[in-house]
Amino acid sequence: MIIDATHVKELIHLIHLGQRGEDTFLELKGVAKNNYKVNGDNFAKELSSFANTRGGHIFLGVEDDGTVSGIGNGQQADALMRQVTQICQDKMQPPIVTTLSRVVVEEKSILVVEVPGFSPHRPYSVNGVFSIRDGSQSRPALGHELRRLLESENFHYDERPIQGSSMDDLDTSIFQSFC
C-alpha cells in the first residue's frame, strides 16, 4: 500500500498523542544520532521481517516517541537513500525492491520505506536467517513459520483470491474451453 504525505503526517500526529506507535506494519527509526545512516544488518533484518510477513512501512528520521529528527540535509538524505537501496540489493537474499519516498514533516525531511507485503520471490533472509514481524518486533521465524514461508515461495499473484468475487463472476464458457 503506497502511503501519501498526508497519511504520514497523520500517523506521526497520532504517535505524538500516544494513540499509535510501532506495530506489525510500522517501524520508526531515528538516524540523526548515527550520522544519518542506518545499521546495515539491523535494517536488512527489519526489511526481511516485513517482507516475510505482510509488508509495512519504515519511517527513517522519526524516533520511537514520534519526534521527527529528520534525515539531514540534501546530501545526507541522498546518501541515506543510496544506502537503503544498497542494503536491499546486497544484504537481502534474494534482493528486494522497496519504494522510497521523501516526505516533509514538521519542516524536516523523513524517508518512508515501503516494503512489499507479498512477493513471489519470498521468503527473504539476511545472513541465512529468515525473520518475521511479530507485533512491533522483528524476530527469527520458528520452525513451523519457516516451513510456511518456504511453502509460499511459489505462490503467485494470479493464484490469490480476489476479494468480493464469486463463481458468478466467471465466464463458464471460457473456463470450459480449457477442459
Foldseek 3Di string as FASTA:
>chain_A
DDDDQVRVQVQLVCLLVVNDFFWQAEAEEECVVVVLEDDLQVVLLVLLQQQLAQWHKYKYQADRSSDRNARDDPVSVVVRVVSVQCSQVPFKVNRADWDWDWHAHPNGTIIMTTRHGYDLQDNMDGPPFRWHRDIRDIDGDDPVSVVVRVVSNRPDPVNDDDPPDDPVPDPVVVVVVVD
